[in-house]
């Protein structure tokens, strides 16, 4: 309907509504553009769940067990003492692990303590005069020292997480460390899950 000056009120209102709608859509797209794209968020969540699942599967084994797996992701994935995280250009997704891990390669005070499981047993032998196996358990009087060492190694991954590298397999190994109580003649075994790049 036109007024005395020849202007159509309906047309003006329609143009105003279109301009307002465009402004609202532009605002909405600017907000969503700053968030992680849905396909990237799904890929990151899937990657973290896959790595968590592999670590937790090995952890549930009742016997010493080792698994190796290669991963290929379009973003960085790392493992810390009790969580796995994926980091992309604008976002990070993390999921807690149901178990605590220990690095299979560990440096203490700037010196490499062990680089793999055989080296870890050698380190225990040099430090505790026993390898911590069923055949050569660590004396019970040094058990707290052993547990403290494993706790420090585990916590070190909070500062230096284990990176999942595309060109190297990730090794996940469940092992037991044994201590021996001489007075009661009993063995105690504690399970540990070691994670490192092969």
N, C-alpha and C. Protein backbone atom coordinates (compact mmCIF):
# COMPACT_ATOMS: atom_id res chain seq x y z
N UNK A 1 0.85 -1.16 0.00
CA UNK A 1 0.00 0.00 0.00
C UNK A 1 0.90 1.23 0.00
N UNK A 2 0.60 2.15 -0.91
CA UNK A 2 1.43 3.33 -1.09
C UNK A 2 0.83 4.50 -0.35
N UNK A 3 1.73 5.35 0.17
CA UNK A 3 1.26 6.57 0.85
C UNK A 3 1.21 7.71 -0.14
N UNK A 4 0.98 8.96 0.33
CA UNK A 4 0.84 10.13 -0.54
C UNK A 4 2.14 10.46 -1.28
N UNK A 5 3.27 10.08 -0.75
CA UNK A 5 4.56 10.38 -1.39
C UNK A 5 4.99 9.26 -2.35
N UNK A 6 4.21 8.22 -2.50
CA UNK A 6 4.52 7.14 -3.42
C UNK A 6 5.39 6.05 -2.80
N UNK A 7 5.56 6.03 -1.49
CA UNK A 7 6.38 5.01 -0.83
C UNK A 7 5.49 3.86 -0.40
N UNK A 8 5.95 2.66 -0.59
CA UNK A 8 5.21 1.46 -0.20
C UNK A 8 5.69 1.01 1.18
N UNK A 9 4.79 1.13 2.18
CA UNK A 9 5.15 0.75 3.56
C UNK A 9 5.53 -0.73 3.67
N UNK A 10 4.87 -1.60 2.94
CA UNK A 10 5.16 -3.04 2.98
C UNK A 10 6.54 -3.33 2.43
N UNK A 11 6.92 -2.63 1.36
CA UNK A 11 8.23 -2.83 0.77
C UNK A 11 9.33 -2.35 1.72
N UNK A 12 9.10 -1.20 2.35
CA UNK A 12 10.09 -0.67 3.30
C UNK A 12 10.24 -1.62 4.48
N UNK A 13 9.11 -2.11 4.99
CA UNK A 13 9.16 -3.05 6.13
C UNK A 13 9.88 -4.33 5.72
N UNK A 14 9.60 -4.82 4.50
CA UNK A 14 10.25 -6.05 4.01
C UNK A 14 11.76 -5.88 3.88
N UNK A 15 12.18 -4.72 3.33
CA UNK A 15 13.62 -4.46 3.20
C UNK A 15 14.26 -4.36 4.58
N UNK A 16 13.56 -3.73 5.51
CA UNK A 16 14.08 -3.62 6.88
C UNK A 16 14.24 -4.98 7.54
N UNK A 17 13.23 -5.83 7.33
CA UNK A 17 13.32 -7.20 7.90
C UNK A 17 14.46 -7.99 7.26
N UNK A 18 14.65 -7.83 5.95
CA UNK A 18 15.75 -8.54 5.28
C UNK A 18 17.09 -8.07 5.81
N UNK A 19 17.24 -6.76 5.99
CA UNK A 19 18.49 -6.22 6.51
C UNK A 19 18.74 -6.72 7.93
N UNK A 20 17.68 -6.73 8.74
CA UNK A 20 17.82 -7.22 10.12
C UNK A 20 18.18 -8.70 10.14
N UNK A 21 17.54 -9.50 9.27
CA UNK A 21 17.84 -10.93 9.19
C UNK A 21 19.29 -11.16 8.75
N UNK A 22 19.73 -10.38 7.77
CA UNK A 22 21.11 -10.52 7.29
C UNK A 22 22.10 -10.19 8.40
N UNK A 23 21.80 -9.17 9.19
CA UNK A 23 22.68 -8.81 10.30
C UNK A 23 22.73 -9.92 11.35
N UNK A 24 21.57 -10.50 11.64
CA UNK A 24 21.53 -11.59 12.62
C UNK A 24 22.30 -12.80 12.09
N UNK A 25 22.11 -13.15 10.81
CA UNK A 25 22.83 -14.29 10.23
C UNK A 25 24.34 -14.03 10.20
N UNK A 26 24.73 -12.82 9.84
CA UNK A 26 26.16 -12.48 9.83
C UNK A 26 26.76 -12.62 11.22
N UNK A 27 26.05 -12.17 12.24
CA UNK A 27 26.49 -12.30 13.63
C UNK A 27 26.60 -13.78 14.02
N UNK A 28 25.58 -14.56 13.65
CA UNK A 28 25.59 -16.00 13.99
C UNK A 28 26.76 -16.70 13.30
N UNK A 29 26.98 -16.41 12.02
CA UNK A 29 28.09 -17.07 11.30
C UNK A 29 29.44 -16.66 11.86
N UNK A 30 29.57 -15.42 12.31
CA UNK A 30 30.85 -14.99 12.89
C UNK A 30 31.13 -15.72 14.19
N UNK A 31 30.08 -16.01 14.97
CA UNK A 31 30.26 -16.77 16.22
C UNK A 31 30.63 -18.21 15.90
N UNK A 32 29.85 -18.86 15.01
CA UNK A 32 30.12 -20.25 14.71
C UNK A 32 31.43 -20.44 13.95
N UNK A 33 31.83 -19.44 13.19
CA UNK A 33 33.10 -19.53 12.46
C UNK A 33 34.29 -19.61 13.38
N UNK A 34 34.16 -19.05 14.58
CA UNK A 34 35.28 -19.08 15.53
C UNK A 34 35.35 -20.38 16.31
N UNK A 35 34.31 -21.20 16.22
CA UNK A 35 34.29 -22.48 16.91
C UNK A 35 34.86 -23.56 16.00
N UNK A 36 35.17 -24.71 16.58
CA UNK A 36 35.68 -25.82 15.79
C UNK A 36 34.61 -26.32 14.84
N UNK A 37 34.97 -26.54 13.57
CA UNK A 37 33.99 -27.09 12.64
C UNK A 37 33.50 -28.44 13.15
N UNK A 38 32.23 -28.76 12.92
CA UNK A 38 31.69 -30.01 13.46
C UNK A 38 32.47 -31.25 13.03
N UNK A 39 32.92 -31.32 11.76
CA UNK A 39 33.64 -32.51 11.32
C UNK A 39 34.99 -32.63 12.02
N UNK A 40 35.65 -31.52 12.31
CA UNK A 40 36.92 -31.55 13.04
C UNK A 40 36.70 -31.97 14.49
N UNK A 41 35.64 -31.45 15.12
CA UNK A 41 35.34 -31.81 16.50
C UNK A 41 35.06 -33.31 16.61
N UNK A 42 34.32 -33.85 15.66
CA UNK A 42 34.02 -35.29 15.66
C UNK A 42 35.29 -36.10 15.46
N UNK A 43 36.15 -35.66 14.54
CA UNK A 43 37.41 -36.38 14.28
C UNK A 43 38.31 -36.36 15.51
N UNK A 44 38.38 -35.22 16.20
CA UNK A 44 39.22 -35.13 17.40
C UNK A 44 38.69 -36.02 18.51
N UNK A 45 37.37 -35.99 18.71
CA UNK A 45 36.77 -36.82 19.75
C UNK A 45 36.97 -38.30 19.43
N UNK A 46 36.85 -38.66 18.17
CA UNK A 46 37.04 -40.05 17.75
C UNK A 46 38.48 -40.50 17.96
N UNK A 47 39.44 -39.64 17.63
CA UNK A 47 40.86 -39.97 17.81
C UNK A 47 41.20 -40.19 19.28
N UNK A 48 40.73 -39.29 20.12
CA UNK A 48 41.00 -39.40 21.56
C UNK A 48 40.36 -40.67 22.12
N UNK A 49 39.14 -40.97 21.70
CA UNK A 49 38.45 -42.17 22.17
C UNK A 49 39.19 -43.43 21.71
N UNK A 50 39.72 -43.42 20.49
CA UNK A 50 40.44 -44.58 19.98
C UNK A 50 41.70 -44.85 20.80
N UNK A 51 42.48 -43.81 21.05
CA UNK A 51 43.72 -43.99 21.82
C UNK A 51 43.40 -44.40 23.26
N UNK A 52 42.41 -43.74 23.87
CA UNK A 52 41.99 -44.13 25.23
C UNK A 52 41.58 -45.59 25.27
N UNK A 53 40.78 -46.00 24.30
CA UNK A 53 40.31 -47.38 24.26
C UNK A 53 41.45 -48.38 24.15
N UNK A 54 42.46 -48.05 23.34
CA UNK A 54 43.60 -48.96 23.18
C UNK A 54 44.41 -49.07 24.47
N UNK A 55 44.64 -47.93 25.14
CA UNK A 55 45.38 -47.95 26.41
C UNK A 55 44.60 -48.73 27.46
N UNK A 56 43.32 -48.47 27.56
CA UNK A 56 42.50 -49.11 28.59
C UNK A 56 42.32 -50.61 28.32
N UNK A 57 42.31 -51.02 27.06
CA UNK A 57 42.22 -52.44 26.73
C UNK A 57 43.45 -53.19 27.23
N UNK A 58 44.63 -52.62 26.98
CA UNK A 58 45.86 -53.26 27.47
C UNK A 58 45.86 -53.28 29.00
N UNK A 59 45.40 -52.20 29.61
CA UNK A 59 45.38 -52.12 31.08
C UNK A 59 44.52 -53.19 31.71
N UNK A 60 43.47 -53.65 31.02
CA UNK A 60 42.57 -54.64 31.61
C UNK A 60 43.11 -56.06 31.52
N UNK A 61 44.20 -56.26 30.80
CA UNK A 61 44.76 -57.61 30.69
C UNK A 61 45.24 -58.10 32.05
N UNK A 62 45.00 -59.36 32.34
CA UNK A 62 45.39 -59.93 33.64
C UNK A 62 46.83 -60.41 33.65
N UNK A 63 47.47 -60.40 32.50
CA UNK A 63 48.86 -60.86 32.39
C UNK A 63 49.69 -59.76 31.73
N UNK A 64 51.02 -59.86 31.81
CA UNK A 64 51.84 -58.89 31.06
C UNK A 64 51.47 -58.95 29.58
N UNK A 65 51.32 -57.79 28.97
CA UNK A 65 50.82 -57.74 27.61
C UNK A 65 51.35 -56.49 26.93
N UNK A 66 51.68 -56.59 25.65
CA UNK A 66 52.14 -55.43 24.89
C UNK A 66 51.41 -55.36 23.57
N UNK A 67 51.08 -54.15 23.15
CA UNK A 67 50.44 -53.91 21.85
C UNK A 67 51.12 -52.73 21.19
N UNK A 68 51.20 -52.79 19.88
CA UNK A 68 51.74 -51.68 19.08
C UNK A 68 50.69 -51.28 18.06
N UNK A 69 50.55 -49.98 17.86
CA UNK A 69 49.58 -49.50 16.88
C UNK A 69 50.08 -48.21 16.25
N UNK A 70 49.83 -48.08 14.97
CA UNK A 70 50.15 -46.84 14.26
C UNK A 70 48.86 -46.05 14.06
N UNK A 71 48.97 -44.75 14.25
CA UNK A 71 47.82 -43.87 14.10
C UNK A 71 48.16 -42.82 13.04
N UNK A 72 47.13 -42.28 12.41
CA UNK A 72 47.31 -41.19 11.45
C UNK A 72 46.20 -40.18 11.68
N UNK A 73 46.57 -39.05 12.27
CA UNK A 73 45.60 -38.00 12.57
C UNK A 73 46.03 -36.70 11.90
N UNK A 74 45.07 -35.82 11.64
CA UNK A 74 45.35 -34.52 11.02
C UNK A 74 45.60 -33.43 12.06
N UNK A 75 45.88 -33.83 13.30
CA UNK A 75 46.10 -32.90 14.40
C UNK A 75 46.98 -33.61 15.42
N UNK A 76 47.43 -32.88 16.42
CA UNK A 76 48.31 -33.46 17.44
C UNK A 76 47.50 -34.21 18.49
N UNK A 77 47.97 -35.41 18.83
CA UNK A 77 47.37 -36.20 19.91
C UNK A 77 48.48 -36.54 20.89
N UNK A 78 48.21 -36.34 22.17
CA UNK A 78 49.22 -36.62 23.20
C UNK A 78 48.57 -37.32 24.39
N UNK A 79 49.42 -38.03 25.14
CA UNK A 79 48.95 -38.80 26.29
C UNK A 79 49.69 -38.31 27.52
N UNK A 80 48.92 -38.00 28.56
CA UNK A 80 49.49 -37.62 29.85
C UNK A 80 49.08 -38.65 30.89
N UNK A 81 49.52 -38.43 32.10
CA UNK A 81 49.35 -39.42 33.15
C UNK A 81 47.96 -40.03 33.23
N UNK A 82 46.92 -39.23 33.07
CA UNK A 82 45.58 -39.79 33.19
C UNK A 82 44.58 -39.20 32.19
N UNK A 83 45.06 -38.69 31.05
CA UNK A 83 44.14 -38.25 30.00
C UNK A 83 44.83 -38.25 28.64
N UNK A 84 44.01 -38.25 27.60
CA UNK A 84 44.49 -38.14 26.21
C UNK A 84 43.88 -36.87 25.64
N UNK A 85 44.69 -36.10 24.90
CA UNK A 85 44.21 -34.82 24.35
C UNK A 85 44.53 -34.74 22.86
N UNK A 86 43.61 -34.14 22.12
CA UNK A 86 43.83 -33.82 20.71
C UNK A 86 43.79 -32.31 20.58
N UNK A 87 44.76 -31.75 19.86
CA UNK A 87 44.86 -30.31 19.70
C UNK A 87 44.91 -29.96 18.22
N UNK A 88 43.96 -29.13 17.79
CA UNK A 88 43.93 -28.64 16.42
C UNK A 88 44.30 -27.18 16.40
N UNK A 89 44.02 -26.52 15.29
CA UNK A 89 44.43 -25.12 15.16
C UNK A 89 43.69 -24.20 16.12
N UNK A 90 42.42 -24.48 16.38
CA UNK A 90 41.64 -23.58 17.23
C UNK A 90 41.00 -24.26 18.43
N UNK A 91 41.30 -25.54 18.64
CA UNK A 91 40.57 -26.24 19.70
C UNK A 91 41.38 -27.38 20.29
N UNK A 92 40.99 -27.78 21.48
CA UNK A 92 41.57 -28.94 22.15
C UNK A 92 40.42 -29.78 22.70
N UNK A 93 40.55 -31.08 22.53
CA UNK A 93 39.57 -32.00 23.10
C UNK A 93 40.33 -33.00 23.96
N UNK A 94 39.91 -33.21 25.19
CA UNK A 94 40.59 -34.14 26.10
C UNK A 94 39.58 -35.10 26.71
N UNK A 95 40.07 -36.30 26.99
CA UNK A 95 39.24 -37.31 27.65
C UNK A 95 40.06 -37.99 28.72
N UNK A 96 39.51 -38.17 29.91
CA UNK A 96 40.28 -38.83 30.97
C UNK A 96 40.47 -40.31 30.69
N UNK A 97 41.61 -40.82 31.11
CA UNK A 97 41.88 -42.25 31.03
C UNK A 97 41.38 -42.91 32.31
N UNK A 98 40.96 -44.15 32.20
CA UNK A 98 40.52 -44.89 33.39
C UNK A 98 41.70 -45.46 34.16
N UNK A 99 42.91 -45.34 33.59
CA UNK A 99 44.13 -45.85 34.25
C UNK A 99 45.19 -44.77 34.19
N UNK A 100 46.19 -44.90 35.05
CA UNK A 100 47.34 -43.99 34.99
C UNK A 100 48.44 -44.66 34.19
N UNK A 101 49.13 -43.89 33.39
CA UNK A 101 50.21 -44.45 32.58
C UNK A 101 51.56 -43.98 33.11
N UNK A 102 52.59 -44.71 32.72
CA UNK A 102 53.98 -44.38 33.04
C UNK A 102 54.71 -44.31 31.70
N UNK A 103 55.58 -43.32 31.50
CA UNK A 103 56.28 -43.26 30.22
C UNK A 103 57.29 -44.41 30.09
N UNK A 104 57.32 -45.02 28.93
CA UNK A 104 58.30 -46.07 28.66
C UNK A 104 59.68 -45.51 28.40
N UNK A 105 59.75 -44.18 28.22
CA UNK A 105 61.03 -43.46 28.08
C UNK A 105 60.97 -42.33 29.09
N UNK A 106 61.91 -42.35 30.03
CA UNK A 106 61.81 -41.41 31.16
C UNK A 106 63.16 -40.81 31.50
N UNK A 107 63.18 -39.48 31.62
CA UNK A 107 64.38 -38.75 32.06
C UNK A 107 64.10 -38.16 33.42
N UNK A 108 65.09 -38.24 34.30
CA UNK A 108 64.97 -37.66 35.64
C UNK A 108 66.18 -36.77 35.89
N UNK A 109 65.91 -35.53 36.27
CA UNK A 109 66.96 -34.53 36.51
C UNK A 109 67.89 -34.38 35.31
N UNK A 110 67.30 -34.40 34.11
CA UNK A 110 68.06 -34.19 32.89
C UNK A 110 68.84 -35.40 32.40
N UNK A 111 68.74 -36.52 33.08
CA UNK A 111 69.45 -37.73 32.69
C UNK A 111 68.44 -38.80 32.30
N UNK A 112 68.71 -39.49 31.19
CA UNK A 112 67.81 -40.56 30.76
C UNK A 112 67.88 -41.71 31.75
N UNK A 113 66.76 -41.98 32.40
CA UNK A 113 66.69 -43.09 33.36
C UNK A 113 66.48 -44.40 32.60
N UNK A 114 65.48 -44.40 31.70
CA UNK A 114 65.29 -45.58 30.86
C UNK A 114 64.68 -45.18 29.53
N UNK A 115 64.96 -46.00 28.54
CA UNK A 115 64.50 -45.79 27.17
C UNK A 115 63.98 -47.13 26.65
N UNK A 116 62.81 -47.52 27.11
CA UNK A 116 62.25 -48.81 26.75
C UNK A 116 62.20 -49.73 27.96
N UNK A 117 61.51 -50.83 27.81
CA UNK A 117 61.26 -51.71 28.95
C UNK A 117 62.50 -52.44 29.44
N UNK A 118 63.35 -52.89 28.53
CA UNK A 118 64.59 -53.56 28.97
C UNK A 118 65.47 -52.59 29.75
N UNK A 119 65.55 -51.36 29.26
CA UNK A 119 66.34 -50.34 29.96
C UNK A 119 65.72 -50.00 31.31
N UNK A 120 64.39 -50.06 31.42
CA UNK A 120 63.74 -49.80 32.71
C UNK A 120 64.13 -50.88 33.71
N UNK A 121 64.18 -52.14 33.29
CA UNK A 121 64.59 -53.24 34.18
C UNK A 121 66.05 -53.08 34.59
N UNK A 122 66.89 -52.65 33.65
CA UNK A 122 68.30 -52.42 33.98
C UNK A 122 68.45 -51.28 34.99
N UNK A 123 67.63 -50.23 34.81
CA UNK A 123 67.66 -49.11 35.75
C UNK A 123 67.25 -49.56 37.15
N UNK A 124 66.18 -50.36 37.23
CA UNK A 124 65.75 -50.88 38.52
C UNK A 124 66.85 -51.74 39.15
N UNK A 125 67.51 -52.55 38.35
CA UNK A 125 68.58 -53.41 38.86
C UNK A 125 69.72 -52.57 39.41
N UNK A 126 70.08 -51.51 38.70
CA UNK A 126 71.18 -50.64 39.15
C UNK A 126 70.77 -49.85 40.39
N UNK A 127 69.50 -49.48 40.50
CA UNK A 127 69.02 -48.65 41.60
C UNK A 127 68.63 -49.47 42.83
N UNK A 128 67.97 -50.60 42.60
CA UNK A 128 67.40 -51.39 43.71
C UNK A 128 68.07 -52.76 43.88
N UNK A 129 69.04 -53.04 43.03
CA UNK A 129 69.74 -54.33 43.06
C UNK A 129 68.78 -55.49 42.77
N UNK A 130 67.74 -55.23 42.00
CA UNK A 130 66.80 -56.24 41.55
C UNK A 130 66.00 -55.65 40.40
N UNK A 131 65.53 -56.51 39.49
CA UNK A 131 64.83 -56.03 38.29
C UNK A 131 63.34 -55.80 38.50
N UNK A 132 62.81 -56.24 39.64
CA UNK A 132 61.39 -56.07 39.88
C UNK A 132 60.54 -57.13 39.20
N UNK A 133 61.17 -58.19 38.70
CA UNK A 133 60.43 -59.31 38.12
C UNK A 133 60.07 -60.29 39.22
N UNK A 134 59.25 -61.28 38.89
CA UNK A 134 58.89 -62.31 39.85
C UNK A 134 60.15 -63.06 40.32
N UNK A 135 61.09 -63.27 39.41
CA UNK A 135 62.31 -64.00 39.73
C UNK A 135 63.29 -63.16 40.55
N UNK A 136 63.26 -61.85 40.35
CA UNK A 136 64.18 -60.94 41.06
C UNK A 136 63.40 -59.75 41.62
N UNK A 137 62.58 -60.00 42.65
CA UNK A 137 61.76 -58.91 43.21
C UNK A 137 62.60 -57.91 44.00
N UNK A 138 62.08 -56.72 44.12
CA UNK A 138 62.74 -55.66 44.89
C UNK A 138 62.39 -55.85 46.36
N UNK A 139 63.37 -55.66 47.21
CA UNK A 139 63.15 -55.86 48.64
C UNK A 139 62.05 -54.93 49.14
N UNK A 140 61.20 -55.48 49.99
CA UNK A 140 60.04 -54.75 50.50
C UNK A 140 60.41 -53.46 51.22
N UNK A 141 61.58 -53.42 51.84
CA UNK A 141 61.99 -52.22 52.56
C UNK A 141 62.24 -51.03 51.61
N UNK A 142 62.33 -51.31 50.29
CA UNK A 142 62.53 -50.24 49.31
C UNK A 142 61.30 -50.07 48.40
N UNK A 143 60.21 -50.72 48.78
CA UNK A 143 59.00 -50.65 47.96
C UNK A 143 58.49 -49.23 47.81
N UNK A 144 58.46 -48.48 48.90
CA UNK A 144 57.94 -47.09 48.81
C UNK A 144 58.81 -46.24 47.89
N UNK A 145 60.10 -46.49 47.90
CA UNK A 145 61.01 -45.77 46.99
C UNK A 145 60.67 -46.12 45.54
N UNK A 146 60.40 -47.39 45.29
CA UNK A 146 60.03 -47.83 43.94
C UNK A 146 58.71 -47.18 43.51
N UNK A 147 57.71 -47.21 44.39
CA UNK A 147 56.41 -46.63 44.05
C UNK A 147 56.53 -45.11 43.83
N UNK A 148 57.38 -44.47 44.61
CA UNK A 148 57.61 -43.04 44.42
C UNK A 148 58.23 -42.74 43.07
N UNK A 149 59.17 -43.59 42.64
CA UNK A 149 59.81 -43.44 41.33
C UNK A 149 58.76 -43.55 40.22
N UNK A 150 57.90 -44.54 40.30
CA UNK A 150 56.88 -44.72 39.27
C UNK A 150 55.88 -43.56 39.27
N UNK A 151 55.57 -43.04 40.44
CA UNK A 151 54.67 -41.88 40.53
C UNK A 151 55.30 -40.64 39.91
N UNK A 152 56.58 -40.40 40.18
CA UNK A 152 57.28 -39.26 39.56
C UNK A 152 57.32 -39.40 38.05
N UNK A 153 57.61 -40.61 37.59
CA UNK A 153 57.66 -40.85 36.14
C UNK A 153 56.29 -40.58 35.52
N UNK A 154 55.24 -41.06 36.17
CA UNK A 154 53.88 -40.85 35.66
C UNK A 154 53.55 -39.35 35.59
N UNK A 155 53.85 -38.62 36.65
CA UNK A 155 53.53 -37.19 36.70
C UNK A 155 54.36 -36.38 35.71
N UNK A 156 55.52 -36.90 35.31
CA UNK A 156 56.36 -36.17 34.36
C UNK A 156 55.65 -35.95 33.03
N UNK A 157 54.66 -36.80 32.72
CA UNK A 157 53.95 -36.65 31.45
C UNK A 157 52.99 -35.47 31.46
N UNK A 158 52.73 -34.89 32.63
CA UNK A 158 51.91 -33.67 32.66
C UNK A 158 52.65 -32.51 32.03
N UNK A 159 53.98 -32.48 32.20
CA UNK A 159 54.81 -31.43 31.61
C UNK A 159 55.30 -31.85 30.23
N UNK A 160 55.63 -33.13 30.08
CA UNK A 160 56.13 -33.66 28.81
C UNK A 160 55.23 -34.80 28.34
N UNK A 161 54.07 -34.48 27.77
CA UNK A 161 53.18 -35.55 27.33
C UNK A 161 53.81 -36.39 26.23
N UNK A 162 53.35 -37.61 26.13
CA UNK A 162 53.83 -38.52 25.10
C UNK A 162 53.07 -38.21 23.81
N UNK A 163 53.79 -37.80 22.79
CA UNK A 163 53.17 -37.45 21.51
C UNK A 163 52.90 -38.71 20.71
N UNK A 164 51.73 -38.81 20.14
CA UNK A 164 51.42 -39.90 19.23
C UNK A 164 51.97 -39.48 17.87
N UNK A 165 53.01 -40.19 17.41
CA UNK A 165 53.69 -39.82 16.17
C UNK A 165 53.22 -40.68 15.02
N UNK A 166 52.95 -40.03 13.89
CA UNK A 166 52.39 -40.74 12.74
C UNK A 166 53.35 -41.76 12.16
N UNK A 167 54.65 -41.46 12.16
CA UNK A 167 55.61 -42.35 11.51
C UNK A 167 56.19 -43.42 12.43
N UNK A 168 55.72 -43.48 13.68
CA UNK A 168 56.23 -44.48 14.62
C UNK A 168 55.06 -45.15 15.34
N UNK A 169 55.19 -46.45 15.64
CA UNK A 169 54.10 -47.11 16.37
C UNK A 169 54.08 -46.66 17.82
N UNK A 170 52.89 -46.59 18.38
CA UNK A 170 52.74 -46.34 19.81
C UNK A 170 52.74 -47.70 20.50
N UNK A 171 53.64 -47.87 21.48
CA UNK A 171 53.73 -49.11 22.23
C UNK A 171 53.01 -48.91 23.55
N UNK A 172 52.10 -49.83 23.86
CA UNK A 172 51.36 -49.82 25.13
C UNK A 172 51.65 -51.16 25.79
N UNK A 173 52.26 -51.12 26.94
CA UNK A 173 52.70 -52.37 27.57
C UNK A 173 52.31 -52.42 29.04
N UNK A 174 51.62 -53.49 29.40
CA UNK A 174 51.30 -53.71 30.80
C UNK A 174 52.36 -54.64 31.38
N UNK A 175 52.89 -54.21 32.52
CA UNK A 175 53.92 -55.00 33.17
C UNK A 175 53.68 -54.96 34.67
N UNK A 176 54.27 -55.90 35.38
CA UNK A 176 54.13 -55.98 36.83
C UNK A 176 55.49 -55.76 37.49
N UNK A 177 55.50 -54.99 38.56
CA UNK A 177 56.70 -54.81 39.36
C UNK A 177 56.48 -55.53 40.69
N UNK A 178 57.42 -56.42 41.02
CA UNK A 178 57.29 -57.28 42.20
C UNK A 178 58.19 -56.79 43.33
N UNK A 179 57.65 -56.85 44.53
CA UNK A 179 58.44 -56.63 45.74
C UNK A 179 58.31 -57.88 46.61
N UNK A 180 59.31 -58.08 47.48
CA UNK A 180 59.34 -59.29 48.31
C UNK A 180 59.49 -58.91 49.77
N UNK A 181 58.58 -59.41 50.58
CA UNK A 181 58.64 -59.20 52.02
C UNK A 181 59.33 -60.41 52.63
N UNK A 182 60.57 -60.22 53.11
CA UNK A 182 61.37 -61.31 53.65
C UNK A 182 60.81 -61.91 54.92
N UNK A 183 60.16 -61.08 55.76
CA UNK A 183 59.67 -61.61 57.04
C UNK A 183 58.43 -62.48 56.85
N UNK A 184 57.56 -62.12 55.91
CA UNK A 184 56.35 -62.93 55.69
C UNK A 184 56.50 -63.85 54.48
N UNK A 185 57.62 -63.71 53.76
CA UNK A 185 57.90 -64.52 52.56
C UNK A 185 56.78 -64.41 51.53
N UNK A 186 56.32 -63.18 51.30
CA UNK A 186 55.26 -62.96 50.33
C UNK A 186 55.72 -62.01 49.22
N UNK A 187 55.21 -62.26 48.03
CA UNK A 187 55.44 -61.39 46.87
C UNK A 187 54.24 -60.47 46.70
N UNK A 188 54.51 -59.22 46.37
CA UNK A 188 53.43 -58.30 46.01
C UNK A 188 53.72 -57.79 44.61
N UNK A 189 52.70 -57.82 43.76
CA UNK A 189 52.84 -57.35 42.38
C UNK A 189 51.95 -56.14 42.17
N UNK A 190 52.51 -55.10 41.56
CA UNK A 190 51.71 -53.92 41.19
C UNK A 190 51.76 -53.78 39.67
N UNK A 191 50.58 -53.62 39.06
CA UNK A 191 50.56 -53.46 37.60
C UNK A 191 50.83 -52.01 37.20
N UNK A 192 51.53 -51.86 36.07
CA UNK A 192 51.80 -50.54 35.50
C UNK A 192 51.58 -50.62 33.99
N UNK A 193 51.07 -49.53 33.42
CA UNK A 193 50.90 -49.45 31.96
C UNK A 193 51.91 -48.43 31.44
N UNK A 194 52.86 -48.91 30.65
CA UNK A 194 53.91 -48.08 30.08
C UNK A 194 53.54 -47.73 28.65
N UNK A 195 53.71 -46.46 28.29
CA UNK A 195 53.37 -45.99 26.95
C UNK A 195 54.58 -45.24 26.37
N UNK A 196 54.93 -45.57 25.14
CA UNK A 196 56.06 -44.89 24.49
C UNK A 196 56.01 -45.12 22.98
N UNK A 197 56.76 -44.31 22.26
CA UNK A 197 56.85 -44.47 20.82
C UNK A 197 57.94 -45.49 20.51
N UNK A 198 57.60 -46.45 19.65
CA UNK A 198 58.55 -47.51 19.28
C UNK A 198 59.58 -47.04 18.28
